[in-house]
Amino acid sequence: MNFSIAASPADIALRVAAEAAAADRLARSLPPEFSLALKEVMEWRKCTVDELAEASLLSAKTIQRLRTGAVSEPLIETISALLVALQSPNPLIDALVLRSGKGYKPTEEHQIMKGLVMTAYGRYTIHDVNAALRAHGLDELTGKE
């Protein structure tokens, strides 16, 4: 979500609240299949496969395979990269992770990853998240397709 420098704090707060409410409604209405849910979130974000590939550092082929259900068990790192790239508010993060059949394990690595994904909305790009993971001595989200 990008904000104009000329926007007042009150205007920004209203837009953030409106987007959060829309994301919550969308999260509750997503289909149970990850592939279909991903398509809907991409449509909501008006994001093409190529745009998402660029923003997530995943290949367009991988994203297309995720959208068609050709990848039956995506890695949590791949899902996390998509969530960061889609600038997903927390309700959508929870909904897409649930639909993927994956989850964040109670390991230090996964909890750091989850924290970065949950705070990326409106703040961090995939490059920022990958740099933070490297700073913790962890692998980047991408490159494990």
Foldseek 3Di string as FASTA:
>chain_A
DDDDPPDDPVRVVVVVVVVVVVLLVLLVPQDLALLRSLVVLCVVLVHDLVQLCVQLVHDSVVNVCSNVCVDLQDDVLSLLSSLLSSLHAPSSSVSNCNSNVHDQDPDPLSVLSVVCSNPSRVNHTLVRSQVVCVVVVHHRSDPPD
